[in-house]
Amino acid sequence: MKVLIVLTSHDQLGDTGRKTGFWLEELAAPYYAFKDAGAQIVLASPKGGQPPLDPKSDEADAQTEATRRFKADTDAQAQLAATVRLDSVSQADFDTVFYPGGHGPLWDLAEDRHSIALIESFIAANKPVALVCHAPGVLRHVRAADGRPLVEGKQVTGFTNSEEAAVQLTDIVPFLVEDELKAKGGKFTRGADWGSYVVRDGLLITGQNPASSADAATALMAQLRAA
């Protein structure tokens, strides 16, 4: 089994002067869900090389068993430092793709034509796609085979408006994930703020927030095994 994980290359939080990037737990938890199941993992990002880590996700209160394991894992750290360029990967080489969040993807991956085409190609090949937290926002321009928005009529979730308000970034982000998924026709549902909540609709798996990362990866693995 071969899994592609797509990370952001964007490190600026709007015009605030603060840094953003990918959220550590949202990479670490799925990484080990896949690795411990025997999967081969490839990390990619738009620019390749070391993707930016959201500094908030590296603070003490954001750490989990998976993040501590990841930071102590020299092989994982070497892999992270050398992500492949997103425009060099092909759906044909993988069984599935997973998108961690963090605020970074709202700026780059959501508008990246390679990412859009990649997701469309996975769906067209009947391969599952999973995205967590802010990453479901990268579906905003993704289309189904009939040209309609991929999320139209589908059960989806992602970082909620109330969670964005709680981190005081509602007016900073380029768009709100919840509002955008609804605007594209998605049937948006949610759990409690900061609790794990995962939705599956056909080939599409979405998770609400960092706490949903492990469960989203587990749901993805279950779907692959059942295929």
C-alpha atoms as a PDB file:
ATOM      1  CA  MET A   1       0.000   0.000   0.000  1.00  0.00           C
ATOM      2  CA  LYS A   2       1.355   3.415  -0.981  1.00  0.00           C
ATOM      3  CA  VAL A   3       0.050   6.641   0.551  1.00  0.00           C
ATOM      4  CA  LEU A   4       0.693  10.194  -0.612  1.00  0.00           C
ATOM      5  CA  ILE A   5       0.534  12.952   2.022  1.00  0.00           C
ATOM      6  CA  VAL A   6       0.270  16.495   0.642  1.00  0.00           C
ATOM      7  CA  LEU A   7       1.503  19.382   2.799  1.00  0.00           C
ATOM      8  CA  THR A   8       1.372  23.148   2.366  1.00  0.00           C
ATOM      9  CA  SER A   9       4.350  25.278   1.374  1.00  0.00           C
ATOM     10  CA  HIS A  10       2.728  28.525   2.584  1.00  0.00           C
ATOM     11  CA  ASP A  11       4.133  30.113   5.742  1.00  0.00           C
ATOM     12  CA  GLN A  12       2.546  33.583   6.021  1.00  0.00           C
ATOM     13  CA  LEU A  13      -0.638  34.145   8.044  1.00  0.00           C
ATOM     14  CA  GLY A  14      -2.185  36.715   5.753  1.00  0.00           C
ATOM     15  CA  ASP A  15      -0.662  40.156   6.325  1.00  0.00           C
ATOM     16  CA  THR A  16      -0.342  39.730  10.106  1.00  0.00           C
ATOM     17  CA  GLY A  17       3.411  39.146   9.976  1.00  0.00           C
ATOM     18  CA  ARG A  18       2.858  35.860  11.821  1.00  0.00           C
ATOM     19  CA  LYS A  19       3.855  32.439  10.566  1.00  0.00           C
ATOM     20  CA  THR A  20       1.620  29.540   9.601  1.00  0.00           C
ATOM     21  CA  GLY A  21       2.063  26.234   7.776  1.00  0.00           C
ATOM     22  CA  PHE A  22       0.903  22.668   8.379  1.00  0.00           C
ATOM     23  CA  TRP A  23      -0.408  21.479  11.752  1.00  0.00           C
ATOM     24  CA  LEU A  24       1.942  18.958  13.318  1.00  0.00           C
ATOM     25  CA  GLU A  25      -0.650  16.599  14.844  1.00  0.00           C
ATOM     26  CA  GLU A  26      -2.486  16.427  11.521  1.00  0.00           C
ATOM     27  CA  LEU A  27       0.635  15.030   9.890  1.00  0.00           C
ATOM     28  CA  ALA A  28       2.013  12.943  12.754  1.00  0.00           C
ATOM     29  CA  ALA A  29      -1.148  11.026  13.705  1.00  0.00           C
ATOM     30  CA  PRO A  30      -1.980   9.906  10.142  1.00  0.00           C
ATOM     31  CA  TYR A  31       1.690   9.257   9.369  1.00  0.00           C
ATOM     32  CA  TYR A  32       1.873   6.589  12.049  1.00  0.00           C
ATOM     33  CA  ALA A  33      -1.594   5.235  11.321  1.00  0.00           C
ATOM     34  CA  PHE A  34      -0.301   4.509   7.816  1.00  0.00           C
ATOM     35  CA  LYS A  35       3.247   3.500   8.725  1.00  0.00           C
ATOM     36  CA  ASP A  36       2.207   1.134  11.495  1.00  0.00           C
ATOM     37  CA  ALA A  37      -0.159  -0.539   9.018  1.00  0.00           C
ATOM     38  CA  GLY A  38       2.788  -1.229   6.735  1.00  0.00           C
ATOM     39  CA  ALA A  39       2.124   1.464   4.165  1.00  0.00           C
ATOM     40  CA  GLN A  40       4.819   3.168   2.145  1.00  0.00           C
ATOM     41  CA  ILE A  41       4.518   6.950   2.587  1.00  0.00           C
ATOM     42  CA  VAL A  42       5.571   9.766   0.278  1.00  0.00           C
ATOM     43  CA  LEU A  43       5.387  13.392   1.437  1.00  0.00           C
ATOM     44  CA  ALA A  44       4.822  16.119  -1.138  1.00  0.00           C
ATOM     45  CA  SER A  45       4.361  19.892  -1.135  1.00  0.00           C
ATOM     46  CA  PRO A  46       3.980  22.543  -3.853  1.00  0.00           C
ATOM     47  CA  LYS A  47       7.551  23.806  -3.523  1.00  0.00           C
ATOM     48  CA  GLY A  48       9.168  20.565  -2.345  1.00  0.00           C
ATOM     49  CA  GLY A  49      11.784  20.435   0.394  1.00  0.00           C
ATOM     50  CA  GLN A  50      11.020  21.385   4.004  1.00  0.00           C
ATOM     51  CA  PRO A  51       7.422  22.541   4.412  1.00  0.00           C
ATOM     52  CA  PRO A  52       6.671  25.192   7.050  1.00  0.00           C
ATOM     53  CA  LEU A  53       5.393  24.037  10.415  1.00  0.00           C
ATOM     54  CA  ASP A  54       2.731  26.179  12.071  1.00  0.00           C
ATOM     55  CA  PRO A  55       4.537  27.311  15.234  1.00  0.00           C
ATOM     56  CA  LYS A  56       1.317  27.105  17.251  1.00  0.00           C
ATOM     57  CA  SER A  57       1.197  23.371  16.578  1.00  0.00           C
ATOM     58  CA  ASP A  58       4.677  23.007  18.038  1.00  0.00           C
ATOM     59  CA  GLU A  59       3.735  24.517  21.398  1.00  0.00           C
ATOM     60  CA  ALA A  60       3.663  22.306  24.491  1.00  0.00           C
ATOM     61  CA  ASP A  61      -0.128  22.195  24.860  1.00  0.00           C
ATOM     62  CA  ALA A  62      -0.539  20.951  21.263  1.00  0.00           C
ATOM     63  CA  GLN A  63       1.664  17.884  21.701  1.00  0.00           C
ATOM     64  CA  THR A  64       0.392  14.315  21.559  1.00  0.00           C
ATOM     65  CA  GLU A  65       1.997  10.898  21.665  1.00  0.00           C
ATOM     66  CA  ALA A  66       2.152  10.970  17.855  1.00  0.00           C
ATOM     67  CA  THR A  67       3.783  14.419  17.651  1.00  0.00           C
ATOM     68  CA  ARG A  68       6.415  13.464  20.206  1.00  0.00           C
ATOM     69  CA  ARG A  69       7.119  10.257  18.320  1.00  0.00           C
ATOM     70  CA  PHE A  70       7.387  12.150  15.043  1.00  0.00           C
ATOM     71  CA  LYS A  71       9.807  14.730  16.391  1.00  0.00           C
ATOM     72  CA  ALA A  72      12.043  11.966  17.771  1.00  0.00           C
ATOM     73  CA  ASP A  73      11.895   9.937  14.545  1.00  0.00           C
ATOM     74  CA  THR A  74      15.026  10.740  12.523  1.00  0.00           C
ATOM     75  CA  ASP A  75      13.714   8.948   9.431  1.00  0.00           C
ATOM     76  CA  ALA A  76      10.447  10.896   9.542  1.00  0.00           C
ATOM     77  CA  GLN A  77      12.293  14.173  10.035  1.00  0.00           C
ATOM     78  CA  ALA A  78      14.556  13.441   7.066  1.00  0.00           C
ATOM     79  CA  GLN A  79      11.545  12.620   4.933  1.00  0.00           C
ATOM     80  CA  LEU A  80       9.818  15.846   5.995  1.00  0.00           C
ATOM     81  CA  ALA A  81      12.899  17.896   5.112  1.00  0.00           C
ATOM     82  CA  ALA A  82      12.880  16.497   1.585  1.00  0.00           C
ATOM     83  CA  THR A  83       9.258  16.471   0.427  1.00  0.00           C
ATOM     84  CA  VAL A  84       8.892  15.937  -3.302  1.00  0.00           C
ATOM     85  CA  ARG A  85       7.408  18.625  -5.509  1.00  0.00           C
ATOM     86  CA  LEU A  86       3.689  18.227  -5.947  1.00  0.00           C
ATOM     87  CA  ASP A  87       3.914  18.660  -9.713  1.00  0.00           C
ATOM     88  CA  SER A  88       6.185  15.602  -9.896  1.00  0.00           C
ATOM     89  CA  VAL A  89       3.749  13.079  -8.409  1.00  0.00           C
ATOM     90  CA  SER A  90       1.172  10.963 -10.193  1.00  0.00           C
ATOM     91  CA  GLN A  91      -2.012   9.440  -8.872  1.00  0.00           C
ATOM     92  CA  ALA A  92      -1.115   6.218 -10.681  1.00  0.00           C
ATOM     93  CA  ASP A  93       1.713   5.594  -8.201  1.00  0.00           C
ATOM     94  CA  PHE A  94      -0.482   5.681  -5.091  1.00  0.00           C
ATOM     95  CA  ASP A  95      -3.464   3.969  -3.529  1.00  0.00           C
ATOM     96  CA  THR A  96      -4.728   7.082  -1.749  1.00  0.00           C
ATOM     97  CA  VAL A  97      -3.926  10.656  -0.762  1.00  0.00           C
ATOM     98  CA  PHE A  98      -4.206  12.416   2.601  1.00  0.00           C
ATOM     99  CA  TYR A  99      -4.170  16.183   3.178  1.00  0.00           C
ATOM    100  CA  PRO A 100      -3.254  17.499   6.650  1.00  0.00           C
ATOM    101  CA  GLY A 101      -4.465  20.962   7.533  1.00  0.00           C
ATOM    102  CA  GLY A 102      -3.086  23.975   9.283  1.00  0.00           C
ATOM    103  CA  HIS A 103      -3.987  27.381   7.878  1.00  0.00           C
ATOM    104  CA  GLY A 104      -1.341  27.250   5.133  1.00  0.00           C
ATOM    105  CA  PRO A 105      -3.383  25.163   2.648  1.00  0.00           C
ATOM    106  CA  LEU A 106      -6.050  27.887   2.452  1.00  0.00           C
ATOM    107  CA  TRP A 107      -3.557  30.081   0.624  1.00  0.00           C
ATOM    108  CA  ASP A 108      -1.623  27.692  -1.604  1.00  0.00           C
ATOM    109  CA  LEU A 109      -3.173  24.242  -1.998  1.00  0.00           C
ATOM    110  CA  ALA A 110      -6.711  25.602  -2.360  1.00  0.00           C
ATOM    111  CA  GLU A 111      -5.606  27.428  -5.521  1.00  0.00           C
ATOM    112  CA  ASP A 112      -2.917  25.019  -6.745  1.00  0.00           C
ATOM    113  CA  ARG A 113      -3.795  23.565 -10.159  1.00  0.00           C
ATOM    114  CA  HIS A 114      -1.616  20.516  -9.544  1.00  0.00           C
ATOM    115  CA  SER A 115      -3.422  19.757  -6.299  1.00  0.00           C
ATOM    116  CA  ILE A 116      -6.824  20.270  -7.902  1.00  0.00           C
ATOM    117  CA  ALA A 117      -5.954  17.971 -10.819  1.00  0.00           C
ATOM    118  CA  LEU A 118      -4.425  15.404  -8.467  1.00  0.00           C
ATOM    119  CA  ILE A 119      -7.562  15.112  -6.336  1.00  0.00           C
ATOM    120  CA  GLU A 120      -9.724  14.897  -9.441  1.00  0.00           C
ATOM    121  CA  SER A 121      -7.529  12.112 -10.799  1.00  0.00           C
ATOM    122  CA  PHE A 122      -7.728  10.099  -7.565  1.00  0.00           C
ATOM    123  CA  ILE A 123     -11.529  10.324  -7.587  1.00  0.00           C
ATOM    124  CA  ALA A 124     -11.677   9.431 -11.291  1.00  0.00           C
ATOM    125  CA  ALA A 125      -9.526   6.362 -10.563  1.00  0.00           C
ATOM    126  CA  ASN A 126     -11.926   5.295  -7.787  1.00  0.00           C
ATOM    127  CA  LYS A 127      -9.323   5.896  -5.080  1.00  0.00           C
ATOM    128  CA  PRO A 128     -10.262   7.471  -1.725  1.00  0.00           C
ATOM    129  CA  VAL A 129      -9.187  10.962  -0.695  1.00  0.00           C
ATOM    130  CA  ALA A 130      -9.009  12.178   2.911  1.00  0.00           C
ATOM    131  CA  LEU A 131      -8.584  15.711   4.228  1.00  0.00           C
ATOM    132  CA  VAL A 132      -8.637  17.078   7.758  1.00  0.00           C
ATOM    133  CA  CYS A 133      -9.282  20.402   9.523  1.00  0.00           C
ATOM    134  CA  HIS A 134      -8.532  23.271   7.100  1.00  0.00           C
ATOM    135  CA  ALA A 135      -7.513  20.910   4.312  1.00  0.00           C
ATOM    136  CA  PRO A 136     -11.114  20.249   3.164  1.00  0.00           C
ATOM    137  CA  GLY A 137     -10.927  23.856   1.976  1.00  0.00           C
ATOM    138  CA  VAL A 138      -8.602  22.702  -0.812  1.00  0.00           C
ATOM    139  CA  LEU A 139     -11.654  21.098  -2.412  1.00  0.00           C
ATOM    140  CA  ARG A 140     -13.138  24.501  -3.289  1.00  0.00           C
ATOM    141  CA  HIS A 141     -12.163  24.314  -6.990  1.00  0.00           C
ATOM    142  CA  VAL A 142     -12.158  20.516  -7.368  1.00  0.00           C
ATOM    143  CA  ARG A 143     -14.714  19.203  -9.826  1.00  0.00           C
ATOM    144  CA  ALA A 144     -16.448  15.885 -10.301  1.00  0.00           C
ATOM    145  CA  ALA A 145     -16.469  14.170 -13.691  1.00  0.00           C
ATOM    146  CA  ASP A 146     -19.705  15.984 -14.625  1.00  0.00           C
ATOM    147  CA  GLY A 147     -18.104  19.380 -14.010  1.00  0.00           C
ATOM    148  CA  ARG A 148     -19.983  20.106 -10.807  1.00  0.00           C
ATOM    149  CA  PRO A 149     -18.158  20.854  -7.549  1.00  0.00           C
ATOM    150  CA  LEU A 150     -16.882  17.604  -6.075  1.00  0.00           C
ATOM    151  CA  VAL A 151     -18.476  18.333  -2.700  1.00  0.00           C
ATOM    152  CA  GLU A 152     -21.889  19.171  -4.142  1.00  0.00           C
ATOM    153  CA  GLY A 153     -24.476  16.934  -2.497  1.00  0.00           C
ATOM    154  CA  LYS A 154     -21.849  15.155  -0.400  1.00  0.00           C
ATOM    155  CA  GLN A 155     -21.573  14.841   3.357  1.00  0.00           C
ATOM    156  CA  VAL A 156     -18.502  16.829   4.399  1.00  0.00           C
ATOM    157  CA  THR A 157     -16.944  18.454   7.437  1.00  0.00           C
ATOM    158  CA  GLY A 158     -13.959  20.641   8.211  1.00  0.00           C
ATOM    159  CA  PHE A 159     -12.749  23.376  10.546  1.00  0.00           C
ATOM    160  CA  THR A 160     -15.901  25.117  11.704  1.00  0.00           C
ATOM    161  CA  ASN A 161     -16.710  28.818  11.793  1.00  0.00           C
ATOM    162  CA  SER A 162     -16.913  28.648  15.589  1.00  0.00           C
ATOM    163  CA  GLU A 163     -13.475  27.029  15.827  1.00  0.00           C
ATOM    164  CA  GLU A 164     -12.024  29.702  13.522  1.00  0.00           C
ATOM    165  CA  ALA A 165     -13.618  32.375  15.702  1.00  0.00           C
ATOM    166  CA  ALA A 166     -12.115  30.758  18.787  1.00  0.00           C
ATOM    167  CA  VAL A 167      -8.600  31.118  17.363  1.00  0.00           C
ATOM    168  CA  GLN A 168      -9.462  34.693  16.311  1.00  0.00           C
ATOM    169  CA  LEU A 169      -8.590  34.248  12.643  1.00  0.00           C
ATOM    170  CA  THR A 170     -12.021  34.685  11.063  1.00  0.00           C
ATOM    171  CA  ASP A 171     -11.018  37.979   9.439  1.00  0.00           C
ATOM    172  CA  ILE A 172      -7.491  36.821   8.531  1.00  0.00           C
ATOM    173  CA  VAL A 173      -8.087  33.666   6.504  1.00  0.00           C
ATOM    174  CA  PRO A 174      -8.872  34.028   2.768  1.00  0.00           C
ATOM    175  CA  PHE A 175     -12.109  32.076   3.277  1.00  0.00           C
ATOM    176  CA  LEU A 176     -13.900  30.101   5.965  1.00  0.00           C
ATOM    177  CA  VAL A 177     -13.839  26.354   5.360  1.00  0.00           C
ATOM    178  CA  GLU A 178     -17.382  25.760   6.615  1.00  0.00           C
ATOM    179  CA  ASP A 179     -18.855  28.592   4.535  1.00  0.00           C
ATOM    180  CA  GLU A 180     -16.944  27.566   1.402  1.00  0.00           C
ATOM    181  CA  LEU A 181     -17.964  23.908   1.565  1.00  0.00           C
ATOM    182  CA  LYS A 182     -21.592  24.957   2.025  1.00  0.00           C
ATOM    183  CA  ALA A 183     -21.334  27.454  -0.835  1.00  0.00           C
ATOM    184  CA  LYS A 184     -20.144  24.665  -3.136  1.00  0.00           C
ATOM    185  CA  GLY A 185     -23.180  22.561  -2.238  1.00  0.00           C
ATOM    186  CA  GLY A 186     -21.635  20.368   0.417  1.00  0.00           C
ATOM    187  CA  LYS A 187     -23.871  18.922   3.127  1.00  0.00           C
ATOM    188  CA  PHE A 188     -21.753  20.236   5.991  1.00  0.00           C
ATOM    189  CA  THR A 189     -22.122  18.566   9.376  1.00  0.00           C
ATOM    190  CA  ARG A 190     -20.082  18.996  12.513  1.00  0.00           C
ATOM    191  CA  GLY A 191     -19.357  17.695  15.961  1.00  0.00           C
ATOM    192  CA  ALA A 192     -18.463  19.606  19.092  1.00  0.00           C
ATOM    193  CA  ASP A 193     -15.678  22.169  18.800  1.00  0.00           C
ATOM    194  CA  TRP A 194     -12.262  20.505  19.178  1.00  0.00           C
ATOM    195  CA  GLY A 195     -13.717  16.996  19.406  1.00  0.00           C
ATOM    196  CA  SER A 196     -13.042  14.261  16.867  1.00  0.00           C
ATOM    197  CA  TYR A 197     -15.589  14.184  14.056  1.00  0.00           C
ATOM    198  CA  VAL A 198     -15.117  12.371  10.736  1.00  0.00           C
ATOM    199  CA  VAL A 199     -17.497  12.020   7.794  1.00  0.00           C
ATOM    200  CA  ARG A 200     -17.254   9.610   4.892  1.00  0.00           C
ATOM    201  CA  ASP A 201     -19.243   9.955   1.683  1.00  0.00           C
ATOM    202  CA  GLY A 202     -18.168   7.554  -1.012  1.00  0.00           C
ATOM    203  CA  LEU A 203     -14.513   8.151  -1.825  1.00  0.00           C
ATOM    204  CA  LEU A 204     -14.340  11.347   0.224  1.00  0.00           C
ATOM    205  CA  ILE A 205     -13.321  11.352   3.903  1.00  0.00           C
ATOM    206  CA  THR A 206     -13.169  14.624   5.846  1.00  0.00           C
ATOM    207  CA  GLY A 207     -12.252  15.384   9.451  1.00  0.00           C
ATOM    208  CA  GLN A 208     -13.210  18.482  11.422  1.00  0.00           C
ATOM    209  CA  ASN A 209     -10.107  19.512  13.360  1.00  0.00           C
ATOM    210  CA  PRO A 210      -6.722  18.332  14.714  1.00  0.00           C
ATOM    211  CA  ALA A 211      -8.372  15.871  17.098  1.00  0.00           C
ATOM    212  CA  SER A 212      -9.981  14.207  14.070  1.00  0.00           C
ATOM    213  CA  SER A 213      -6.661  13.413  12.372  1.00  0.00           C
ATOM    214  CA  ALA A 214      -6.112   9.909  13.695  1.00  0.00           C
ATOM    215  CA  ASP A 215      -9.739   8.890  13.186  1.00  0.00           C
ATOM    216  CA  ALA A 216      -9.734  10.238   9.620  1.00  0.00           C
ATOM    217  CA  ALA A 217      -6.615   8.205   8.853  1.00  0.00           C
ATOM    218  CA  THR A 218      -8.155   5.110  10.459  1.00  0.00           C
ATOM    219  CA  ALA A 219     -11.295   5.566   8.364  1.00  0.00           C
ATOM    220  CA  LEU A 220      -9.140   5.864   5.247  1.00  0.00           C
ATOM    221  CA  MET A 221      -7.222   2.693   6.051  1.00  0.00           C
ATOM    222  CA  ALA A 222     -10.478   0.827   6.676  1.00  0.00           C
ATOM    223  CA  GLN A 223     -11.795   1.947   3.294  1.00  0.00           C
ATOM    224  CA  LEU A 224      -8.618   0.815   1.545  1.00  0.00           C
ATOM    225  CA  ARG A 225      -8.784  -2.608   3.185  1.00  0.00           C
ATOM    226  CA  ALA A 226     -12.415  -2.998   2.169  1.00  0.00           C
ATOM    227  CA  ALA A 227     -11.749  -2.073  -1.449  1.00  0.00           C
END
